[in-house]
PDB file of N, CA and C in Angstrom:
ATOM      1  N   MET A   1       9.657 -10.370 -15.429  1.00  0.00           N
ATOM      2  CA  MET A   1       9.455  -8.975 -15.140  1.00  0.00           C
ATOM      3  C   MET A   1      10.029  -8.684 -13.712  1.00  0.00           C
ATOM      4  N   PHE A   2       9.862  -9.533 -12.799  1.00  0.00           N
ATOM      5  CA  PHE A   2      10.218  -9.271 -11.458  1.00  0.00           C
ATOM      6  C   PHE A   2      11.555  -9.863 -11.041  1.00  0.00           C
ATOM      7  N   ASP A   3      12.256 -10.470 -11.926  1.00  0.00           N
ATOM      8  CA  ASP A   3      13.384 -11.209 -11.653  1.00  0.00           C
ATOM      9  C   ASP A   3      14.539 -10.305 -11.120  1.00  0.00           C
ATOM     10  N   ASN A   4      14.607  -9.047 -11.625  1.00  0.00           N
ATOM     11  CA  ASN A   4      15.638  -8.172 -11.154  1.00  0.00           C
ATOM     12  C   ASN A   4      15.307  -7.299  -9.964  1.00  0.00           C
ATOM     13  N   ILE A   5      14.102  -7.487  -9.364  1.00  0.00           N
ATOM     14  CA  ILE A   5      13.750  -6.785  -8.248  1.00  0.00           C
ATOM     15  C   ILE A   5      14.088  -7.566  -6.998  1.00  0.00           C
ATOM     16  N   LYS A   6      14.930  -7.068  -6.136  1.00  0.00           N
ATOM     17  CA  LYS A   6      15.336  -7.768  -4.919  1.00  0.00           C
ATOM     18  C   LYS A   6      14.964  -6.821  -3.757  1.00  0.00           C
ATOM     19  N   LEU A   7      14.322  -7.483  -2.798  1.00  0.00           N
ATOM     20  CA  LEU A   7      13.933  -6.813  -1.630  1.00  0.00           C
ATOM     21  C   LEU A   7      14.791  -7.394  -0.464  1.00  0.00           C
ATOM     22  N   SER A   8      15.039  -6.526   0.466  1.00  0.00           N
ATOM     23  CA  SER A   8      15.861  -6.992   1.627  1.00  0.00           C
ATOM     24  C   SER A   8      14.995  -7.918   2.492  1.00  0.00           C
ATOM     25  N   LYS A   9      15.560  -8.808   3.325  1.00  0.00           N
ATOM     26  CA  LYS A   9      14.836  -9.558   4.274  1.00  0.00           C
ATOM     27  C   LYS A   9      13.871  -8.747   5.142  1.00  0.00           C
ATOM     28  N   GLU A  10      14.343  -7.583   5.598  1.00  0.00           N
ATOM     29  CA  GLU A  10      13.624  -6.679   6.449  1.00  0.00           C
ATOM     30  C   GLU A  10      12.330  -6.097   5.712  1.00  0.00           C
ATOM     31  N   GLU A  11      12.601  -5.754   4.443  1.00  0.00           N
ATOM     32  CA  GLU A  11      11.485  -5.204   3.627  1.00  0.00           C
ATOM     33  C   GLU A  11      10.407  -6.303   3.422  1.00  0.00           C
ATOM     34  N   ILE A  12      10.870  -7.455   3.115  1.00  0.00           N
ATOM     35  CA  ILE A  12       9.933  -8.586   2.888  1.00  0.00           C
ATOM     36  C   ILE A  12       9.117  -8.874   4.184  1.00  0.00           C
ATOM     37  N   GLU A  13       9.803  -8.831   5.292  1.00  0.00           N
ATOM     38  CA  GLU A  13       9.071  -9.066   6.642  1.00  0.00           C
ATOM     39  C   GLU A  13       8.140  -7.922   6.887  1.00  0.00           C
ATOM     40  N   MET A  14       8.513  -6.714   6.538  1.00  0.00           N
ATOM     41  CA  MET A  14       7.667  -5.557   6.729  1.00  0.00           C
ATOM     42  C   MET A  14       6.383  -5.718   6.010  1.00  0.00           C
ATOM     43  N   TYR A  15       6.439  -6.110   4.746  1.00  0.00           N
ATOM     44  CA  TYR A  15       5.292  -6.263   3.920  1.00  0.00           C
ATOM     45  C   TYR A  15       4.459  -7.474   4.346  1.00  0.00           C
ATOM     46  N   LYS A  16       5.120  -8.568   4.801  1.00  0.00           N
ATOM     47  CA  LYS A  16       4.347  -9.719   5.269  1.00  0.00           C
ATOM     48  C   LYS A  16       3.600  -9.417   6.506  1.00  0.00           C
ATOM     49  N   SER A  17       4.160  -8.423   7.293  1.00  0.00           N
ATOM     50  CA  SER A  17       3.496  -8.165   8.616  1.00  0.00           C
ATOM     51  C   SER A  17       2.256  -7.263   8.472  1.00  0.00           C
ATOM     52  N   ILE A  18       2.023  -6.708   7.350  1.00  0.00           N
ATOM     53  CA  ILE A  18       0.965  -5.748   7.135  1.00  0.00           C
ATOM     54  C   ILE A  18      -0.356  -6.595   7.070  1.00  0.00           C
ATOM     55  N   ASP A  19      -1.305  -6.322   7.897  1.00  0.00           N
ATOM     56  CA  ASP A  19      -2.601  -6.991   7.949  1.00  0.00           C
ATOM     57  C   ASP A  19      -3.515  -6.157   7.052  1.00  0.00           C
ATOM     58  N   PHE A  20      -3.511  -6.382   5.741  1.00  0.00           N
ATOM     59  CA  PHE A  20      -4.316  -5.623   4.777  1.00  0.00           C
ATOM     60  C   PHE A  20      -5.801  -5.809   4.993  1.00  0.00           C
ATOM     61  N   ASP A  21      -6.218  -6.943   5.406  1.00  0.00           N
ATOM     62  CA  ASP A  21      -7.659  -7.174   5.732  1.00  0.00           C
ATOM     63  C   ASP A  21      -8.074  -6.196   6.872  1.00  0.00           C
ATOM     64  N   LYS A  22      -7.224  -6.162   7.902  1.00  0.00           N
ATOM     65  CA  LYS A  22      -7.622  -5.218   8.958  1.00  0.00           C
ATOM     66  C   LYS A  22      -7.634  -3.717   8.516  1.00  0.00           C
ATOM     67  N   LEU A  23      -6.595  -3.340   7.756  1.00  0.00           N
ATOM     68  CA  LEU A  23      -6.637  -2.010   7.195  1.00  0.00           C
ATOM     69  C   LEU A  23      -7.814  -1.717   6.331  1.00  0.00           C
ATOM     70  N   LYS A  24      -8.135  -2.626   5.557  1.00  0.00           N
ATOM     71  CA  LYS A  24      -9.214  -2.404   4.535  1.00  0.00           C
ATOM     72  C   LYS A  24     -10.566  -2.354   5.262  1.00  0.00           C
ATOM     73  N   ASN A  25     -10.716  -3.101   6.320  1.00  0.00           N
ATOM     74  CA  ASN A  25     -12.029  -3.253   6.986  1.00  0.00           C
ATOM     75  C   ASN A  25     -12.280  -2.295   8.119  1.00  0.00           C
ATOM     76  N   LEU A  26     -11.324  -1.299   8.317  1.00  0.00           N
ATOM     77  CA  LEU A  26     -11.633  -0.259   9.329  1.00  0.00           C
ATOM     78  C   LEU A  26     -12.874   0.506   8.982  1.00  0.00           C
ATOM     79  N   ASN A  27     -13.535   0.911  10.064  1.00  0.00           N
ATOM     80  CA  ASN A  27     -14.729   1.634   9.896  1.00  0.00           C
ATOM     81  C   ASN A  27     -14.328   3.094   9.804  1.00  0.00           C
ATOM     82  N   ILE A  28     -14.794   3.745   8.723  1.00  0.00           N
ATOM     83  CA  ILE A  28     -14.325   5.141   8.407  1.00  0.00           C
ATOM     84  C   ILE A  28     -14.727   6.078   9.573  1.00  0.00           C
ATOM     85  N   LYS A  29     -15.793   5.688  10.359  1.00  0.00           N
ATOM     86  CA  LYS A  29     -16.280   6.513  11.424  1.00  0.00           C
ATOM     87  C   LYS A  29     -15.289   6.398  12.639  1.00  0.00           C
ATOM     88  N   GLU A  30     -14.523   5.376  12.654  1.00  0.00           N
ATOM     89  CA  GLU A  30     -13.591   5.125  13.757  1.00  0.00           C
ATOM     90  C   GLU A  30     -12.139   5.445  13.478  1.00  0.00           C
ATOM     91  N   VAL A  31     -11.838   5.877  12.220  1.00  0.00           N
ATOM     92  CA  VAL A  31     -10.556   6.207  11.814  1.00  0.00           C
ATOM     93  C   VAL A  31     -10.254   7.639  12.344  1.00  0.00           C
ATOM     94  N   LYS A  32      -9.035   7.729  12.980  1.00  0.00           N
ATOM     95  CA  LYS A  32      -8.694   9.046  13.506  1.00  0.00           C
ATOM     96  C   LYS A  32      -7.840   9.821  12.480  1.00  0.00           C
ATOM     97  N   LYS A  33      -8.368  10.957  12.143  1.00  0.00           N
ATOM     98  CA  LYS A  33      -7.729  11.761  11.043  1.00  0.00           C
ATOM     99  C   LYS A  33      -6.255  12.044  11.353  1.00  0.00           C
ATOM    100  N   GLU A  34      -5.892  12.290  12.626  1.00  0.00           N
ATOM    101  CA  GLU A  34      -4.495  12.528  12.997  1.00  0.00           C
ATOM    102  C   GLU A  34      -3.601  11.313  12.823  1.00  0.00           C
ATOM    103  N   ASP A  35      -4.160  10.138  12.724  1.00  0.00           N
ATOM    104  CA  ASP A  35      -3.349   8.952  12.507  1.00  0.00           C
ATOM    105  C   ASP A  35      -3.061   8.664  11.048  1.00  0.00           C
ATOM    106  N   LEU A  36      -3.698   9.382  10.170  1.00  0.00           N
ATOM    107  CA  LEU A  36      -3.570   9.109   8.780  1.00  0.00           C
ATOM    108  C   LEU A  36      -2.533   9.997   8.099  1.00  0.00           C
ATOM    109  N   VAL A  37      -1.914   9.427   7.021  1.00  0.00           N
ATOM    110  CA  VAL A  37      -0.821  10.172   6.287  1.00  0.00           C
ATOM    111  C   VAL A  37      -1.582  11.001   5.250  1.00  0.00           C
ATOM    112  N   ASP A  38      -1.108  12.270   5.140  1.00  0.00           N
ATOM    113  CA  ASP A  38      -1.601  13.174   4.032  1.00  0.00           C
ATOM    114  C   ASP A  38      -0.927  12.787   2.771  1.00  0.00           C
ATOM    115  N   ILE A  39      -1.696  12.393   1.797  1.00  0.00           N
ATOM    116  CA  ILE A  39      -1.125  11.863   0.478  1.00  0.00           C
ATOM    117  C   ILE A  39      -0.391  12.968  -0.233  1.00  0.00           C
ATOM    118  N   ARG A  40      -0.586  14.200   0.122  1.00  0.00           N
ATOM    119  CA  ARG A  40       0.059  15.304  -0.531  1.00  0.00           C
ATOM    120  C   ARG A  40       1.570  15.297  -0.137  1.00  0.00           C
ATOM    121  N   ASN A  41       1.866  14.617   0.956  1.00  0.00           N
ATOM    122  CA  ASN A  41       3.270  14.561   1.459  1.00  0.00           C
ATOM    123  C   ASN A  41       3.989  13.337   0.890  1.00  0.00           C
ATOM    124  N   ILE A  42       3.313  12.509   0.152  1.00  0.00           N
ATOM    125  CA  ILE A  42       3.950  11.308  -0.431  1.00  0.00           C
ATOM    126  C   ILE A  42       4.630  11.733  -1.764  1.00  0.00           C
ATOM    127  N   ASP A  43       5.942  11.326  -1.820  1.00  0.00           N
ATOM    128  CA  ASP A  43       6.766  11.616  -3.051  1.00  0.00           C
ATOM    129  C   ASP A  43       7.374  10.325  -3.533  1.00  0.00           C
ATOM    130  N   ILE A  44       6.842   9.667  -4.623  1.00  0.00           N
ATOM    131  CA  ILE A  44       7.332   8.508  -5.086  1.00  0.00           C
ATOM    132  C   ILE A  44       8.435   8.740  -6.162  1.00  0.00           C
ATOM    133  N   ASP A  45       9.449   7.945  -6.110  1.00  0.00           N
ATOM    134  CA  ASP A  45      10.525   8.020  -7.118  1.00  0.00           C
ATOM    135  C   ASP A  45       9.975   7.481  -8.467  1.00  0.00           C
ATOM    136  N   VAL A  46       9.848   8.372  -9.406  1.00  0.00           N
ATOM    137  CA  VAL A  46       9.293   8.155 -10.748  1.00  0.00           C
ATOM    138  C   VAL A  46      10.179   7.267 -11.550  1.00  0.00           C
ATOM    139  N   ASN A  47      11.471   7.083 -11.147  1.00  0.00           N
ATOM    140  CA  ASN A  47      12.434   6.263 -11.882  1.00  0.00           C
ATOM    141  C   ASN A  47      12.394   4.828 -11.553  1.00  0.00           C
ATOM    142  N   LEU A  48      11.607   4.412 -10.483  1.00  0.00           N
ATOM    143  CA  LEU A  48      11.454   3.048 -10.045  1.00  0.00           C
ATOM    144  C   LEU A  48      10.559   2.318 -11.059  1.00  0.00           C
ATOM    145  N   PRO A  49      10.716   0.954 -11.100  1.00  0.00           N
ATOM    146  CA  PRO A  49       9.813   0.146 -11.819  1.00  0.00           C
ATOM    147  C   PRO A  49       8.413   0.252 -11.137  1.00  0.00           C
ATOM    148  N   GLN A  50       7.401   0.080 -11.866  1.00  0.00           N
ATOM    149  CA  GLN A  50       5.993   0.149 -11.314  1.00  0.00           C
ATOM    150  C   GLN A  50       5.811  -0.642 -10.071  1.00  0.00           C
ATOM    151  N   GLU A  51       6.349  -1.831 -10.073  1.00  0.00           N
ATOM    152  CA  GLU A  51       6.127  -2.681  -8.870  1.00  0.00           C
ATOM    153  C   GLU A  51       6.722  -2.113  -7.591  1.00  0.00           C
ATOM    154  N   LEU A  52       7.934  -1.487  -7.692  1.00  0.00           N
ATOM    155  CA  LEU A  52       8.515  -0.867  -6.564  1.00  0.00           C
ATOM    156  C   LEU A  52       7.856   0.442  -6.189  1.00  0.00           C
ATOM    157  N   LYS A  53       7.330   1.143  -7.141  1.00  0.00           N
ATOM    158  CA  LYS A  53       6.515   2.325  -6.860  1.00  0.00           C
ATOM    159  C   LYS A  53       5.382   1.907  -5.949  1.00  0.00           C
ATOM    160  N   ILE A  54       4.656   0.865  -6.278  1.00  0.00           N
ATOM    161  CA  ILE A  54       3.569   0.350  -5.394  1.00  0.00           C
ATOM    162  C   ILE A  54       4.016   0.044  -4.061  1.00  0.00           C
ATOM    163  N   LEU A  55       5.132  -0.602  -3.881  1.00  0.00           N
ATOM    164  CA  LEU A  55       5.657  -0.902  -2.570  1.00  0.00           C
ATOM    165  C   LEU A  55       6.118   0.348  -1.779  1.00  0.00           C
ATOM    166  N   GLN A  56       6.738   1.257  -2.548  1.00  0.00           N
ATOM    167  CA  GLN A  56       7.134   2.514  -1.931  1.00  0.00           C
ATOM    168  C   GLN A  56       5.952   3.294  -1.372  1.00  0.00           C
ATOM    169  N   PHE A  57       4.892   3.301  -2.214  1.00  0.00           N
ATOM    170  CA  PHE A  57       3.657   3.929  -1.758  1.00  0.00           C
ATOM    171  C   PHE A  57       3.060   3.358  -0.573  1.00  0.00           C
ATOM    172  N   ILE A  58       2.999   2.039  -0.490  1.00  0.00           N
ATOM    173  CA  ILE A  58       2.475   1.377   0.728  1.00  0.00           C
ATOM    174  C   ILE A  58       3.298   1.657   1.926  1.00  0.00           C
ATOM    175  N   LYS A  59       4.633   1.723   1.789  1.00  0.00           N
ATOM    176  CA  LYS A  59       5.520   1.966   2.880  1.00  0.00           C
ATOM    177  C   LYS A  59       5.295   3.340   3.434  1.00  0.00           C
ATOM    178  N   MET A  60       5.071   4.323   2.536  1.00  0.00           N
ATOM    179  CA  MET A  60       4.980   5.735   2.913  1.00  0.00           C
ATOM    180  C   MET A  60       3.589   6.128   3.424  1.00  0.00           C
ATOM    181  N   ILE A  61       2.527   5.510   2.866  1.00  0.00           N
ATOM    182  CA  ILE A  61       1.220   5.868   3.217  1.00  0.00           C
ATOM    183  C   ILE A  61       0.712   5.089   4.444  1.00  0.00           C
ATOM    184  N   LYS A  62       1.270   4.013   4.722  1.00  0.00           N
ATOM    185  CA  LYS A  62       1.032   3.155   5.890  1.00  0.00           C
ATOM    186  C   LYS A  62      -0.242   2.460   5.713  1.00  0.00           C
ATOM    187  N   ASN A  63      -1.355   3.074   5.316  1.00  0.00           N
ATOM    188  CA  ASN A  63      -2.585   2.333   5.160  1.00  0.00           C
ATOM    189  C   ASN A  63      -3.152   2.839   3.682  1.00  0.00           C
ATOM    190  N   PRO A  64      -2.919   1.878   2.731  1.00  0.00           N
ATOM    191  CA  PRO A  64      -3.361   2.259   1.411  1.00  0.00           C
ATOM    192  C   PRO A  64      -4.913   2.402   1.183  1.00  0.00           C
ATOM    193  N   TYR A  65      -5.603   2.021   2.139  1.00  0.00           N
ATOM    194  CA  TYR A  65      -7.083   2.076   2.101  1.00  0.00           C
ATOM    195  C   TYR A  65      -7.706   3.382   2.732  1.00  0.00           C
ATOM    196  N   PHE A  66      -6.910   3.922   3.682  1.00  0.00           N
ATOM    197  CA  PHE A  66      -7.426   5.134   4.349  1.00  0.00           C
ATOM    198  C   PHE A  66      -6.204   6.091   4.427  1.00  0.00           C
ATOM    199  N   PHE A  67      -6.390   7.345   3.933  1.00  0.00           N
ATOM    200  CA  PHE A  67      -5.395   8.359   4.087  1.00  0.00           C
ATOM    201  C   PHE A  67      -6.151   9.667   4.060  1.00  0.00           C
ATOM    202  N   LYS A  68      -5.443  10.758   4.128  1.00  0.00           N
ATOM    203  CA  LYS A  68      -6.152  12.051   4.057  1.00  0.00           C
ATOM    204  C   LYS A  68      -5.508  12.926   3.010  1.00  0.00           C
ATOM    205  N   VAL A  69      -6.344  13.920   2.572  1.00  0.00           N
ATOM    206  CA  VAL A  69      -5.941  15.023   1.724  1.00  0.00           C
ATOM    207  C   VAL A  69      -6.337  16.257   2.453  1.00  0.00           C
ATOM    208  N   GLY A  70      -5.357  16.857   3.123  1.00  0.00           N
ATOM    209  CA  GLY A  70      -5.637  17.944   4.013  1.00  0.00           C
ATOM    210  C   GLY A  70      -6.491  17.448   5.201  1.00  0.00           C
ATOM    211  N   ASP A  71      -7.689  18.011   5.294  1.00  0.00           N
ATOM    212  CA  ASP A  71      -8.549  17.634   6.444  1.00  0.00           C
ATOM    213  C   ASP A  71      -9.541  16.618   5.962  1.00  0.00           C
ATOM    214  N   VAL A  72      -9.517  16.101   4.774  1.00  0.00           N
ATOM    215  CA  VAL A  72     -10.508  15.180   4.261  1.00  0.00           C
ATOM    216  C   VAL A  72      -9.982  13.765   4.325  1.00  0.00           C
ATOM    217  N   VAL A  73     -10.769  12.915   4.958  1.00  0.00           N
ATOM    218  CA  VAL A  73     -10.330  11.475   5.062  1.00  0.00           C
ATOM    219  C   VAL A  73     -10.817  10.747   3.796  1.00  0.00           C
ATOM    220  N   VAL A  74      -9.967   9.980   3.144  1.00  0.00           N
ATOM    221  CA  VAL A  74     -10.275   9.333   1.919  1.00  0.00           C
ATOM    222  C   VAL A  74     -10.263   7.742   2.186  1.00  0.00           C
ATOM    223  N   ASN A  75     -11.310   7.044   1.740  1.00  0.00           N
ATOM    224  CA  ASN A  75     -11.349   5.609   1.791  1.00  0.00           C
ATOM    225  C   ASN A  75     -11.219   5.146   0.414  1.00  0.00           C
ATOM    226  N   THR A  76     -10.281   4.321   0.070  1.00  0.00           N
ATOM    227  CA  THR A  76     -10.096   3.854  -1.295  1.00  0.00           C
ATOM    228  C   THR A  76     -10.300   2.347  -1.380  1.00  0.00           C
ATOM    229  N   ILE A  77     -10.670   1.898  -2.586  1.00  0.00           N
ATOM    230  CA  ILE A  77     -10.838   0.503  -2.915  1.00  0.00           C
ATOM    231  C   ILE A  77      -9.977   0.239  -4.110  1.00  0.00           C
ATOM    232  N   TYR A  78      -9.171  -0.781  -4.074  1.00  0.00           N
ATOM    233  CA  TYR A  78      -8.306  -1.158  -5.201  1.00  0.00           C
ATOM    234  C   TYR A  78      -8.891  -2.385  -5.851  1.00  0.00           C
ATOM    235  N   ASN A  79      -8.937  -2.306  -7.191  1.00  0.00           N
ATOM    236  CA  ASN A  79      -9.429  -3.474  -7.882  1.00  0.00           C
ATOM    237  C   ASN A  79      -8.692  -3.612  -9.317  1.00  0.00           C
ATOM    238  N   ASP A  80      -8.126  -4.691  -9.513  1.00  0.00           N
ATOM    239  CA  ASP A  80      -7.549  -4.978 -10.817  1.00  0.00           C
ATOM    240  C   ASP A  80      -8.546  -5.705 -11.624  1.00  0.00           C
ATOM    241  N   THR A  81      -9.301  -5.022 -12.492  1.00  0.00           N
ATOM    242  CA  THR A  81     -10.354  -5.588 -13.167  1.00  0.00           C
ATOM    243  C   THR A  81      -9.968  -6.669 -14.112  1.00  0.00           C
ATOM    244  N   ASP A  82      -8.802  -6.752 -14.582  1.00  0.00           N
ATOM    245  CA  ASP A  82      -8.367  -7.793 -15.472  1.00  0.00           C
ATOM    246  C   ASP A  82      -8.061  -9.094 -14.779  1.00  0.00           C
ATOM    247  N   ASN A  83      -7.416  -8.961 -13.627  1.00  0.00           N
ATOM    248  CA  ASN A  83      -7.011 -10.156 -12.934  1.00  0.00           C
ATOM    249  C   ASN A  83      -7.814 -10.416 -11.665  1.00  0.00           C
ATOM    250  N   LYS A  84      -8.642  -9.498 -11.191  1.00  0.00           N
ATOM    251  CA  LYS A  84      -9.378  -9.633  -9.953  1.00  0.00           C
ATOM    252  C   LYS A  84      -8.496  -9.903  -8.781  1.00  0.00           C
ATOM    253  N   MET A  85      -7.297  -9.164  -8.758  1.00  0.00           N
ATOM    254  CA  MET A  85      -6.388  -9.376  -7.720  1.00  0.00           C
ATOM    255  C   MET A  85      -6.327  -8.207  -6.736  1.00  0.00           C
ATOM    256  N   SER A  86      -6.296  -8.523  -5.546  1.00  0.00           N
ATOM    257  CA  SER A  86      -6.236  -7.552  -4.450  1.00  0.00           C
ATOM    258  C   SER A  86      -4.863  -7.054  -4.320  1.00  0.00           C
ATOM    259  N   ILE A  87      -4.634  -5.935  -3.629  1.00  0.00           N
ATOM    260  CA  ILE A  87      -3.337  -5.363  -3.429  1.00  0.00           C
ATOM    261  C   ILE A  87      -2.377  -6.351  -2.654  1.00  0.00           C
ATOM    262  N   GLU A  88      -3.057  -6.986  -1.638  1.00  0.00           N
ATOM    263  CA  GLU A  88      -2.319  -7.986  -0.817  1.00  0.00           C
ATOM    264  C   GLU A  88      -1.911  -9.149  -1.647  1.00  0.00           C
ATOM    265  N   ASP A  89      -2.797  -9.660  -2.559  1.00  0.00           N
ATOM    266  CA  ASP A  89      -2.465 -10.722  -3.386  1.00  0.00           C
ATOM    267  C   ASP A  89      -1.358 -10.415  -4.306  1.00  0.00           C
ATOM    268  N   TYR A  90      -1.368  -9.146  -4.803  1.00  0.00           N
ATOM    269  CA  TYR A  90      -0.276  -8.694  -5.706  1.00  0.00           C
ATOM    270  C   TYR A  90       1.010  -8.731  -5.016  1.00  0.00           C
ATOM    271  N   ILE A  91       1.137  -8.196  -3.874  1.00  0.00           N
ATOM    272  CA  ILE A  91       2.369  -8.155  -3.143  1.00  0.00           C
ATOM    273  C   ILE A  91       2.844  -9.570  -2.782  1.00  0.00           C
ATOM    274  N   SER A  92       1.932 -10.372  -2.349  1.00  0.00           N
ATOM    275  CA  SER A  92       2.270 -11.770  -2.053  1.00  0.00           C
ATOM    276  C   SER A  92       2.807 -12.545  -3.093  1.00  0.00           C
ATOM    277  N   ILE A  93       2.154 -12.451  -4.356  1.00  0.00           N
ATOM    278  CA  ILE A  93       2.472 -13.235  -5.467  1.00  0.00           C
ATOM    279  C   ILE A  93       3.848 -12.700  -6.045  1.00  0.00           C
ATOM    280  N   LYS A  94       3.954 -11.371  -6.119  1.00  0.00           N
ATOM    281  CA  LYS A  94       5.113 -10.833  -6.841  1.00  0.00           C
ATOM    282  C   LYS A  94       6.400 -10.750  -6.051  1.00  0.00           C
ATOM    283  N   PHE A  95       6.305 -10.702  -4.697  1.00  0.00           N
ATOM    284  CA  PHE A  95       7.468 -10.511  -3.886  1.00  0.00           C
ATOM    285  C   PHE A  95       7.769 -11.473  -2.762  1.00  0.00           C
ATOM    286  N   MET A  96       6.694 -12.241  -2.413  1.00  0.00           N
ATOM    287  CA  MET A  96       6.912 -13.037  -1.245  1.00  0.00           C
ATOM    288  C   MET A  96       7.237 -14.524  -1.536  1.00  0.00           C
ATOM    289  N   ASN A  97       7.054 -14.901  -2.733  1.00  0.00           N
ATOM    290  CA  ASN A  97       7.328 -16.366  -3.073  1.00  0.00           C
ATOM    291  C   ASN A  97       8.731 -16.583  -3.464  1.00  0.00           C
TER     292      ASN A  97
END
C-alpha cells in the first residue's frame, strides 16, 4: 500500500524531528492560543492517498493535538482502536523504515 509513496529526505527529517510526546503532553492551560493554527485555515488535497493526507495535515497544523477553531482551543486524542497505534507510531512505521 505504501510502496508508491516517496518522501523527500527533508520531509522524512521533518517528521522525524517532531516530538509528538511533547506536543501531546502540553498542558492546555499553558498553551498560547496565538501560537496555535486555526483548523479552518487547513486545506488538504483530497486527491492524495490517505497516508499523505495525514502527513499534509500534520505539516500544516503543526501540533495535531492542540489547535484552535476561531477563539476556541481544541485538545484532541488520536486512537486507532483496531491497531492501538498512536499517530507517531503510524508515521514511524509507514514512512521512516
